[in-house]
Amino acid sequence: MNEIKLLVLDMDGTSYHNMGNIIESNIKPLQDAIKIGTKVAFVTGRPVLAKPNNLKEHNLAEENAILIGCNAGCIYDLNTETVLKSNPIKSDQAKKLFEAAKNTKIILWGYVDDLNTVILSKKVADVNNEECHWEGRFFDGEYLIYDDVKDNFNFNFFKILGFHGNYDFYNQIEADLNLNISTNDGKLAEINAPGINKKFAIDWLSDYFNIPIKNIAAMGDGMNDLPMIKHAGIGVALKNSEQQIKDAAQIYIDKENTEGAVAEFVNKYILKK
């Protein structure tokens, strides 16, 4: 196996609890990996400013520390607190998406590229949707409703989430608008600009750190992780990964995320314990 010079980690369901904080047993092995010169980067569907991320608090933000959020929609420097690369869904495409969701039960949740605004297709308070309320843990800014802003719609989006969807709707949107869509179950989907996914993140990190793809390991559990698992030099799956992730990975860790699968991988393949 090639030397691992950069470890790229998904958050939810991999290095973190779903919709929660980092799994404690992962912290020290990752700190130790950084100390010996291995770079660690997180590539997540979360927004970069989500409070549970807490990378700096866990000493996981080295010099020029990079957090890639919204599935590569936003590439962010944690130390300078600046967006290094913005890859948004453009306003004209986004408006067509919001219009397509009208008169359906689908709820759209769009992260605007100002980092401070979310636009919803309908009021979440008016619907019984637990996933939407959980997503609210990641965002403390201003919420706007599409119908209230559609006449002056000039918003670009790092990512748009679809709740209560179906494969027919997402497949049609993907075909009509050429957007990048990933979904585990056909109901909840993550929607990004054309060509923007976690494979893009791997290529960007490779260029940024001047590390060949063959020396990059990537670990994830969900379908939004599949592009990076396929593209990285070393793809890693864990016990709770989707089957397509397991099929594509070169290394399988027989532990759940909550059992410290990331720590297991780091200890064995980077720290050589």
C-alpha atoms as a PDB file:
ATOM      1  CA  MET A   1       0.000   0.000   0.000  1.00  0.00           C
ATOM      2  CA  ASN A   2       1.238   3.493  -0.821  1.00  0.00           C
ATOM      3  CA  GLU A   3       2.270   5.794   2.017  1.00  0.00           C
ATOM      4  CA  ILE A   4      -0.647   7.855   3.313  1.00  0.00           C
ATOM      5  CA  LYS A   5       0.299  11.533   3.263  1.00  0.00           C
ATOM      6  CA  LEU A   6      -3.243  12.916   3.444  1.00  0.00           C
ATOM      7  CA  LEU A   7      -6.268  11.381   5.181  1.00  0.00           C
ATOM      8  CA  VAL A   8      -9.627  12.726   4.013  1.00  0.00           C
ATOM      9  CA  LEU A   9     -12.557  12.031   6.332  1.00  0.00           C
ATOM     10  CA  ASP A  10     -16.291  12.340   6.067  1.00  0.00           C
ATOM     11  CA  MET A  11     -17.949  13.605   9.244  1.00  0.00           C
ATOM     12  CA  ASP A  12     -21.493  12.285   9.836  1.00  0.00           C
ATOM     13  CA  GLY A  13     -21.522   8.515  10.098  1.00  0.00           C
ATOM     14  CA  THR A  14     -17.731   8.237   9.776  1.00  0.00           C
ATOM     15  CA  SER A  15     -15.562  10.322  12.110  1.00  0.00           C
ATOM     16  CA  TYR A  16     -18.551  11.969  13.844  1.00  0.00           C
ATOM     17  CA  HIS A  17     -21.835  10.882  15.340  1.00  0.00           C
ATOM     18  CA  ASN A  18     -24.705  11.415  12.919  1.00  0.00           C
ATOM     19  CA  MET A  19     -25.719  15.071  13.199  1.00  0.00           C
ATOM     20  CA  GLY A  20     -23.507  15.332  16.267  1.00  0.00           C
ATOM     21  CA  ASN A  21     -19.996  15.744  17.639  1.00  0.00           C
ATOM     22  CA  ILE A  22     -16.753  13.964  16.850  1.00  0.00           C
ATOM     23  CA  ILE A  23     -16.400  10.457  18.260  1.00  0.00           C
ATOM     24  CA  GLU A  24     -14.067  10.912  21.217  1.00  0.00           C
ATOM     25  CA  SER A  25     -11.897   7.865  20.540  1.00  0.00           C
ATOM     26  CA  ASN A  26     -10.905   9.324  17.162  1.00  0.00           C
ATOM     27  CA  ILE A  27      -9.387  12.524  18.539  1.00  0.00           C
ATOM     28  CA  LYS A  28      -6.020  11.377  19.893  1.00  0.00           C
ATOM     29  CA  PRO A  29      -5.125   9.095  16.954  1.00  0.00           C
ATOM     30  CA  LEU A  30      -5.878  11.945  14.556  1.00  0.00           C
ATOM     31  CA  GLN A  31      -3.812  14.357  16.653  1.00  0.00           C
ATOM     32  CA  ASP A  32      -0.959  11.835  16.651  1.00  0.00           C
ATOM     33  CA  ALA A  33      -1.221  11.382  12.882  1.00  0.00           C
ATOM     34  CA  ILE A  34      -0.916  15.135  12.409  1.00  0.00           C
ATOM     35  CA  LYS A  35       2.111  15.238  14.741  1.00  0.00           C
ATOM     36  CA  ILE A  36       4.007  12.763  12.552  1.00  0.00           C
ATOM     37  CA  GLY A  37       3.313  14.821   9.450  1.00  0.00           C
ATOM     38  CA  THR A  38       0.186  13.235   7.993  1.00  0.00           C
ATOM     39  CA  LYS A  39      -2.271  15.842   6.846  1.00  0.00           C
ATOM     40  CA  VAL A  40      -5.921  15.404   7.830  1.00  0.00           C
ATOM     41  CA  ALA A  41      -8.795  17.105   6.039  1.00  0.00           C
ATOM     42  CA  PHE A  42     -12.533  16.794   6.574  1.00  0.00           C
ATOM     43  CA  VAL A  43     -14.884  16.726   3.593  1.00  0.00           C
ATOM     44  CA  THR A  44     -18.492  16.847   4.701  1.00  0.00           C
ATOM     45  CA  GLY A  45     -22.005  17.621   3.616  1.00  0.00           C
ATOM     46  CA  ARG A  46     -22.306  19.935   6.621  1.00  0.00           C
ATOM     47  CA  PRO A  47     -21.945  23.709   6.337  1.00  0.00           C
ATOM     48  CA  VAL A  48     -18.457  24.828   7.334  1.00  0.00           C
ATOM     49  CA  LEU A  49     -19.657  26.941  10.269  1.00  0.00           C
ATOM     50  CA  ALA A  50     -21.777  24.233  11.936  1.00  0.00           C
ATOM     51  CA  LYS A  51     -21.173  24.383  15.685  1.00  0.00           C
ATOM     52  CA  PRO A  52     -20.685  20.606  16.193  1.00  0.00           C
ATOM     53  CA  ASN A  53     -17.661  20.616  13.821  1.00  0.00           C
ATOM     54  CA  ASN A  54     -15.324  21.931  16.570  1.00  0.00           C
ATOM     55  CA  LEU A  55     -12.089  21.080  14.742  1.00  0.00           C
ATOM     56  CA  LYS A  56     -10.003  23.845  16.279  1.00  0.00           C
ATOM     57  CA  GLU A  57     -11.226  22.989  19.766  1.00  0.00           C
ATOM     58  CA  HIS A  58      -9.908  19.444  19.284  1.00  0.00           C
ATOM     59  CA  ASN A  59      -6.540  20.639  17.917  1.00  0.00           C
ATOM     60  CA  LEU A  60      -7.356  19.179  14.520  1.00  0.00           C
ATOM     61  CA  ALA A  61      -6.855  22.427  12.646  1.00  0.00           C
ATOM     62  CA  GLU A  62      -3.222  22.607  11.616  1.00  0.00           C
ATOM     63  CA  GLU A  63      -1.648  25.524   9.746  1.00  0.00           C
ATOM     64  CA  ASN A  64      -3.747  26.277   6.635  1.00  0.00           C
ATOM     65  CA  ALA A  65      -6.361  23.877   8.033  1.00  0.00           C
ATOM     66  CA  ILE A  66      -8.975  23.144   5.418  1.00  0.00           C
ATOM     67  CA  LEU A  67     -12.605  22.203   5.982  1.00  0.00           C
ATOM     68  CA  ILE A  68     -14.514  21.319   2.843  1.00  0.00           C
ATOM     69  CA  GLY A  69     -18.236  21.701   3.457  1.00  0.00           C
ATOM     70  CA  CYS A  70     -21.453  21.175   1.530  1.00  0.00           C
ATOM     71  CA  ASN A  71     -19.846  18.339  -0.463  1.00  0.00           C
ATOM     72  CA  ALA A  72     -17.203  20.705  -1.909  1.00  0.00           C
ATOM     73  CA  GLY A  73     -19.656  23.529  -2.474  1.00  0.00           C
ATOM     74  CA  CYS A  74     -17.561  25.552  -0.005  1.00  0.00           C
ATOM     75  CA  ILE A  75     -13.845  25.156   0.699  1.00  0.00           C
ATOM     76  CA  TYR A  76     -12.927  27.027   3.860  1.00  0.00           C
ATOM     77  CA  ASP A  77      -9.753  27.949   5.731  1.00  0.00           C
ATOM     78  CA  LEU A  78     -10.444  27.516   9.434  1.00  0.00           C
ATOM     79  CA  ASN A  79      -7.516  29.639  10.570  1.00  0.00           C
ATOM     80  CA  THR A  80      -8.085  32.687   8.356  1.00  0.00           C
ATOM     81  CA  GLU A  81     -11.875  32.154   8.395  1.00  0.00           C
ATOM     82  CA  THR A  82     -12.112  32.721   4.654  1.00  0.00           C
ATOM     83  CA  VAL A  83     -13.719  30.897   1.750  1.00  0.00           C
ATOM     84  CA  LEU A  84     -10.903  29.654  -0.476  1.00  0.00           C
ATOM     85  CA  LYS A  85     -13.151  28.249  -3.186  1.00  0.00           C
ATOM     86  CA  SER A  86     -16.869  28.663  -3.805  1.00  0.00           C
ATOM     87  CA  ASN A  87     -18.674  26.220  -6.102  1.00  0.00           C
ATOM     88  CA  PRO A  88     -22.329  27.243  -5.864  1.00  0.00           C
ATOM     89  CA  ILE A  89     -25.530  26.277  -7.599  1.00  0.00           C
ATOM     90  CA  LYS A  90     -26.318  29.404  -9.610  1.00  0.00           C
ATOM     91  CA  SER A  91     -29.487  31.348  -8.899  1.00  0.00           C
ATOM     92  CA  ASP A  92     -31.192  30.527 -12.215  1.00  0.00           C
ATOM     93  CA  GLN A  93     -30.777  26.780 -11.658  1.00  0.00           C
ATOM     94  CA  ALA A  94     -31.798  27.085  -8.018  1.00  0.00           C
ATOM     95  CA  LYS A  95     -34.978  28.967  -8.878  1.00  0.00           C
ATOM     96  CA  LYS A  96     -35.992  26.248 -11.359  1.00  0.00           C
ATOM     97  CA  LEU A  97     -35.408  23.675  -8.627  1.00  0.00           C
ATOM     98  CA  PHE A  98     -37.542  25.560  -6.111  1.00  0.00           C
ATOM     99  CA  GLU A  99     -40.295  25.985  -8.704  1.00  0.00           C
ATOM    100  CA  ALA A 100     -40.203  22.271  -9.502  1.00  0.00           C
ATOM    101  CA  ALA A 101     -40.742  21.462  -5.827  1.00  0.00           C
ATOM    102  CA  LYS A 102     -43.824  23.666  -5.539  1.00  0.00           C
ATOM    103  CA  ASN A 103     -47.089  21.804  -5.068  1.00  0.00           C
ATOM    104  CA  THR A 104     -45.216  18.708  -3.881  1.00  0.00           C
ATOM    105  CA  LYS A 105     -44.523  17.439  -0.378  1.00  0.00           C
ATOM    106  CA  ILE A 106     -40.795  17.972  -0.965  1.00  0.00           C
ATOM    107  CA  ILE A 107     -39.047  20.467   1.310  1.00  0.00           C
ATOM    108  CA  LEU A 108     -35.953  22.217  -0.056  1.00  0.00           C
ATOM    109  CA  TRP A 109     -33.350  23.625   2.308  1.00  0.00           C
ATOM    110  CA  GLY A 110     -30.760  25.787   0.565  1.00  0.00           C
ATOM    111  CA  TYR A 111     -27.485  27.005   2.057  1.00  0.00           C
ATOM    112  CA  VAL A 112     -26.804  30.399   0.467  1.00  0.00           C
ATOM    113  CA  ASP A 113     -23.186  31.168  -0.393  1.00  0.00           C
ATOM    114  CA  ASP A 114     -23.036  34.089   2.067  1.00  0.00           C
ATOM    115  CA  LEU A 115     -22.734  31.548   4.940  1.00  0.00           C
ATOM    116  CA  ASN A 116     -25.482  33.418   6.792  1.00  0.00           C
ATOM    117  CA  THR A 117     -28.731  32.562   5.001  1.00  0.00           C
ATOM    118  CA  VAL A 118     -30.897  29.507   4.410  1.00  0.00           C
ATOM    119  CA  ILE A 119     -33.829  29.554   2.005  1.00  0.00           C
ATOM    120  CA  LEU A 120     -36.642  27.056   2.555  1.00  0.00           C
ATOM    121  CA  SER A 121     -39.271  26.050   0.049  1.00  0.00           C
ATOM    122  CA  LYS A 122     -41.861  26.144   2.835  1.00  0.00           C
ATOM    123  CA  LYS A 123     -41.976  26.851   6.548  1.00  0.00           C
ATOM    124  CA  VAL A 124     -40.510  23.911   8.402  1.00  0.00           C
ATOM    125  CA  ALA A 125     -42.632  24.795  11.436  1.00  0.00           C
ATOM    126  CA  ASP A 126     -45.692  23.994   9.322  1.00  0.00           C
ATOM    127  CA  VAL A 127     -44.609  20.430   8.571  1.00  0.00           C
ATOM    128  CA  ASN A 128     -43.780  17.423  10.710  1.00  0.00           C
ATOM    129  CA  ASN A 129     -40.222  16.765   9.559  1.00  0.00           C
ATOM    130  CA  GLU A 130     -37.728  15.612  12.157  1.00  0.00           C
ATOM    131  CA  GLU A 131     -34.796  15.684   9.715  1.00  0.00           C
ATOM    132  CA  CYS A 132     -35.335  19.377   9.021  1.00  0.00           C
ATOM    133  CA  HIS A 133     -35.330  20.163  12.706  1.00  0.00           C
ATOM    134  CA  TRP A 134     -32.090  18.205  13.156  1.00  0.00           C
ATOM    135  CA  GLU A 135     -30.521  20.104  10.250  1.00  0.00           C
ATOM    136  CA  GLY A 136     -31.272  23.295  12.142  1.00  0.00           C
ATOM    137  CA  ARG A 137     -28.526  22.344  14.624  1.00  0.00           C
ATOM    138  CA  PHE A 138     -26.019  23.206  11.898  1.00  0.00           C
ATOM    139  CA  PHE A 139     -27.221  26.738  11.189  1.00  0.00           C
ATOM    140  CA  ASP A 140     -27.785  29.844  13.306  1.00  0.00           C
ATOM    141  CA  GLY A 141     -28.343  32.484  10.620  1.00  0.00           C
ATOM    142  CA  GLU A 142     -31.363  33.934   8.844  1.00  0.00           C
ATOM    143  CA  TYR A 143     -34.114  31.724   7.416  1.00  0.00           C
ATOM    144  CA  LEU A 144     -36.102  32.953   4.414  1.00  0.00           C
ATOM    145  CA  ILE A 145     -39.064  31.353   2.651  1.00  0.00           C
ATOM    146  CA  TYR A 146     -38.889  30.986  -1.122  1.00  0.00           C
ATOM    147  CA  ASP A 147     -42.299  32.539  -1.806  1.00  0.00           C
ATOM    148  CA  ASP A 148     -41.215  35.650   0.076  1.00  0.00           C
ATOM    149  CA  VAL A 149     -38.084  36.196  -2.047  1.00  0.00           C
ATOM    150  CA  LYS A 150     -38.868  34.599  -5.411  1.00  0.00           C
ATOM    151  CA  ASP A 151     -39.645  37.910  -7.127  1.00  0.00           C
ATOM    152  CA  ASN A 152     -36.140  39.180  -6.350  1.00  0.00           C
ATOM    153  CA  PHE A 153     -34.364  35.849  -6.393  1.00  0.00           C
ATOM    154  CA  ASN A 154     -30.635  36.410  -6.702  1.00  0.00           C
ATOM    155  CA  PHE A 155     -29.150  33.725  -4.470  1.00  0.00           C
ATOM    156  CA  ASN A 156     -26.393  31.207  -5.150  1.00  0.00           C
ATOM    157  CA  PHE A 157     -26.229  28.066  -3.000  1.00  0.00           C
ATOM    158  CA  PHE A 158     -23.365  25.988  -1.685  1.00  0.00           C
ATOM    159  CA  LYS A 159     -25.815  23.088  -1.411  1.00  0.00           C
ATOM    160  CA  ILE A 160     -29.542  22.417  -1.432  1.00  0.00           C
ATOM    161  CA  LEU A 161     -31.084  19.600   0.576  1.00  0.00           C
ATOM    162  CA  GLY A 162     -34.242  17.838  -0.472  1.00  0.00           C
ATOM    163  CA  PHE A 163     -36.461  16.248   2.192  1.00  0.00           C
ATOM    164  CA  HIS A 164     -39.423  13.918   1.515  1.00  0.00           C
ATOM    165  CA  GLY A 165     -38.329  13.426  -2.100  1.00  0.00           C
ATOM    166  CA  ASN A 166     -38.368  10.431  -4.404  1.00  0.00           C
ATOM    167  CA  TYR A 167     -36.119   8.971  -7.088  1.00  0.00           C
ATOM    168  CA  ASP A 168     -38.390  10.122  -9.923  1.00  0.00           C
ATOM    169  CA  PHE A 169     -38.167  13.753  -8.816  1.00  0.00           C
ATOM    170  CA  TYR A 170     -34.407  13.696  -8.234  1.00  0.00           C
ATOM    171  CA  ASN A 171     -33.682  11.860 -11.485  1.00  0.00           C
ATOM    172  CA  GLN A 172     -35.755  14.385 -13.414  1.00  0.00           C
ATOM    173  CA  ILE A 173     -33.996  17.322 -11.739  1.00  0.00           C
ATOM    174  CA  GLU A 174     -30.606  15.779 -12.436  1.00  0.00           C
ATOM    175  CA  ALA A 175     -31.502  15.377 -16.104  1.00  0.00           C
ATOM    176  CA  ASP A 176     -33.181  18.771 -16.595  1.00  0.00           C
ATOM    177  CA  LEU A 177     -30.781  20.961 -14.604  1.00  0.00           C
ATOM    178  CA  ASN A 178     -27.570  18.901 -14.799  1.00  0.00           C
ATOM    179  CA  LEU A 179     -27.149  19.150 -11.035  1.00  0.00           C
ATOM    180  CA  ASN A 180     -25.127  16.696  -8.947  1.00  0.00           C
ATOM    181  CA  ILE A 181     -27.439  14.700  -6.664  1.00  0.00           C
ATOM    182  CA  SER A 182     -26.596  12.051  -4.089  1.00  0.00           C
ATOM    183  CA  THR A 183     -29.076  10.103  -1.981  1.00  0.00           C
ATOM    184  CA  ASN A 184     -28.966   7.005   0.217  1.00  0.00           C
ATOM    185  CA  ASP A 185     -32.680   6.273   0.206  1.00  0.00           C
ATOM    186  CA  GLY A 186     -34.362   8.397  -2.482  1.00  0.00           C
ATOM    187  CA  LYS A 187     -36.021  10.563   0.171  1.00  0.00           C
ATOM    188  CA  LEU A 188     -33.251  12.784   1.530  1.00  0.00           C
ATOM    189  CA  ALA A 189     -30.935  14.115  -1.172  1.00  0.00           C
ATOM    190  CA  GLU A 190     -27.943  16.445  -1.295  1.00  0.00           C
ATOM    191  CA  ILE A 191     -27.919  18.653  -4.382  1.00  0.00           C
ATOM    192  CA  ASN A 192     -24.818  20.412  -5.661  1.00  0.00           C
ATOM    193  CA  ALA A 193     -23.661  22.343  -8.697  1.00  0.00           C
ATOM    194  CA  PRO A 194     -22.685  20.373 -11.815  1.00  0.00           C
ATOM    195  CA  GLY A 195     -19.432  18.502 -11.268  1.00  0.00           C
ATOM    196  CA  ILE A 196     -19.236  19.432  -7.592  1.00  0.00           C
ATOM    197  CA  ASN A 197     -18.880  16.463  -5.277  1.00  0.00           C
ATOM    198  CA  LYS A 198     -16.294  14.876  -3.017  1.00  0.00           C
ATOM    199  CA  LYS A 199     -14.188  13.743  -5.987  1.00  0.00           C
ATOM    200  CA  PHE A 200     -13.725  17.436  -6.763  1.00  0.00           C
ATOM    201  CA  ALA A 201     -12.588  17.866  -3.158  1.00  0.00           C
ATOM    202  CA  ILE A 202      -9.926  15.153  -3.520  1.00  0.00           C
ATOM    203  CA  ASP A 203      -8.526  16.794  -6.655  1.00  0.00           C
ATOM    204  CA  TRP A 204      -8.529  20.230  -5.015  1.00  0.00           C
ATOM    205  CA  LEU A 205      -6.750  18.938  -1.897  1.00  0.00           C
ATOM    206  CA  SER A 206      -4.210  17.092  -4.026  1.00  0.00           C
ATOM    207  CA  ASP A 207      -3.332  20.325  -5.827  1.00  0.00           C
ATOM    208  CA  TYR A 208      -3.431  22.475  -2.687  1.00  0.00           C
ATOM    209  CA  PHE A 209      -1.112  20.261  -0.638  1.00  0.00           C
ATOM    210  CA  ASN A 210       0.875  18.998  -3.640  1.00  0.00           C
ATOM    211  CA  ILE A 211       0.153  15.399  -2.671  1.00  0.00           C
ATOM    212  CA  PRO A 212      -0.366  12.764  -5.386  1.00  0.00           C
ATOM    213  CA  ILE A 213      -3.757  11.063  -5.485  1.00  0.00           C
ATOM    214  CA  LYS A 214      -2.049   7.715  -4.833  1.00  0.00           C
ATOM    215  CA  ASN A 215      -0.971   8.995  -1.390  1.00  0.00           C
ATOM    216  CA  ILE A 216      -4.463  10.128  -0.367  1.00  0.00           C
ATOM    217  CA  ALA A 217      -6.742   7.898   1.704  1.00  0.00           C
ATOM    218  CA  ALA A 218     -10.465   8.706   1.956  1.00  0.00           C
ATOM    219  CA  MET A 219     -12.986   7.210   4.372  1.00  0.00           C
ATOM    220  CA  GLY A 220     -16.764   7.543   4.278  1.00  0.00           C
ATOM    221  CA  ASP A 221     -20.117   5.847   4.756  1.00  0.00           C
ATOM    222  CA  GLY A 222     -22.790   7.458   2.544  1.00  0.00           C
ATOM    223  CA  MET A 223     -23.505   7.795  -1.149  1.00  0.00           C
ATOM    224  CA  ASN A 224     -22.176  11.354  -1.213  1.00  0.00           C
ATOM    225  CA  ASP A 225     -18.814   9.782  -0.248  1.00  0.00           C
ATOM    226  CA  LEU A 226     -18.758   7.350  -3.168  1.00  0.00           C
ATOM    227  CA  PRO A 227     -17.019   9.704  -5.662  1.00  0.00           C
ATOM    228  CA  MET A 228     -14.087  10.281  -3.294  1.00  0.00           C
ATOM    229  CA  ILE A 229     -13.838   6.626  -2.252  1.00  0.00           C
ATOM    230  CA  LYS A 230     -13.559   5.657  -5.919  1.00  0.00           C
ATOM    231  CA  HIS A 231     -11.107   8.456  -6.756  1.00  0.00           C
ATOM    232  CA  ALA A 232      -8.699   8.461  -3.804  1.00  0.00           C
ATOM    233  CA  GLY A 233      -5.610   6.293  -3.962  1.00  0.00           C
ATOM    234  CA  ILE A 234      -6.869   4.358  -0.946  1.00  0.00           C
ATOM    235  CA  GLY A 235     -10.617   4.119  -0.400  1.00  0.00           C
ATOM    236  CA  VAL A 236     -11.746   3.030   3.062  1.00  0.00           C
ATOM    237  CA  ALA A 237     -15.159   1.721   4.136  1.00  0.00           C
ATOM    238  CA  LEU A 238     -16.481   0.980   7.609  1.00  0.00           C
ATOM    239  CA  LYS A 239     -19.113  -1.377   8.947  1.00  0.00           C
ATOM    240  CA  ASN A 240     -22.000   1.101   8.589  1.00  0.00           C
ATOM    241  CA  SER A 241     -20.998   2.212   5.075  1.00  0.00           C
ATOM    242  CA  GLU A 242     -23.468   1.805   2.231  1.00  0.00           C
ATOM    243  CA  GLN A 243     -22.827  -1.387   0.260  1.00  0.00           C
ATOM    244  CA  GLN A 244     -21.601   0.533  -2.802  1.00  0.00           C
ATOM    245  CA  ILE A 245     -18.959   2.162  -0.605  1.00  0.00           C
ATOM    246  CA  LYS A 246     -17.819  -1.239   0.643  1.00  0.00           C
ATOM    247  CA  ASP A 247     -17.689  -2.568  -2.914  1.00  0.00           C
ATOM    248  CA  ALA A 248     -15.552   0.356  -4.104  1.00  0.00           C
ATOM    249  CA  ALA A 249     -13.125   0.520  -1.154  1.00  0.00           C
ATOM    250  CA  GLN A 250      -9.709  -1.129  -0.986  1.00  0.00           C
ATOM    251  CA  ILE A 251      -9.762  -1.324   2.818  1.00  0.00           C
ATOM    252  CA  TYR A 252     -12.637  -2.350   5.069  1.00  0.00           C
ATOM    253  CA  ILE A 253     -12.751  -1.586   8.806  1.00  0.00           C
ATOM    254  CA  ASP A 254     -15.108  -3.964  10.591  1.00  0.00           C
ATOM    255  CA  LYS A 255     -16.321  -1.387  13.100  1.00  0.00           C
ATOM    256  CA  GLU A 256     -19.186   1.095  13.200  1.00  0.00           C
ATOM    257  CA  ASN A 257     -18.390   4.808  13.260  1.00  0.00           C
ATOM    258  CA  THR A 258     -19.458   4.938  16.920  1.00  0.00           C
ATOM    259  CA  GLU A 259     -17.030   2.116  17.728  1.00  0.00           C
ATOM    260  CA  GLY A 260     -14.057   4.179  16.565  1.00  0.00           C
ATOM    261  CA  ALA A 261     -13.590   2.881  13.033  1.00  0.00           C
ATOM    262  CA  VAL A 262     -11.527   5.952  12.133  1.00  0.00           C
ATOM    263  CA  ALA A 263      -9.241   5.431  15.129  1.00  0.00           C
ATOM    264  CA  GLU A 264      -8.819   1.799  14.114  1.00  0.00           C
ATOM    265  CA  PHE A 265      -7.759   2.787  10.600  1.00  0.00           C
ATOM    266  CA  VAL A 266      -5.382   5.524  11.765  1.00  0.00           C
ATOM    267  CA  ASN A 267      -3.734   3.310  14.377  1.00  0.00           C
ATOM    268  CA  LYS A 268      -3.207   0.427  11.968  1.00  0.00           C
ATOM    269  CA  TYR A 269      -2.366   2.116   8.673  1.00  0.00           C
ATOM    270  CA  ILE A 270      -0.849   5.489   9.665  1.00  0.00           C
ATOM    271  CA  LEU A 271       0.556   5.134  13.180  1.00  0.00           C
ATOM    272  CA  LYS A 272       1.431   1.471  12.508  1.00  0.00           C
ATOM    273  CA  LYS A 273       0.351   0.336  15.978  1.00  0.00           C
END
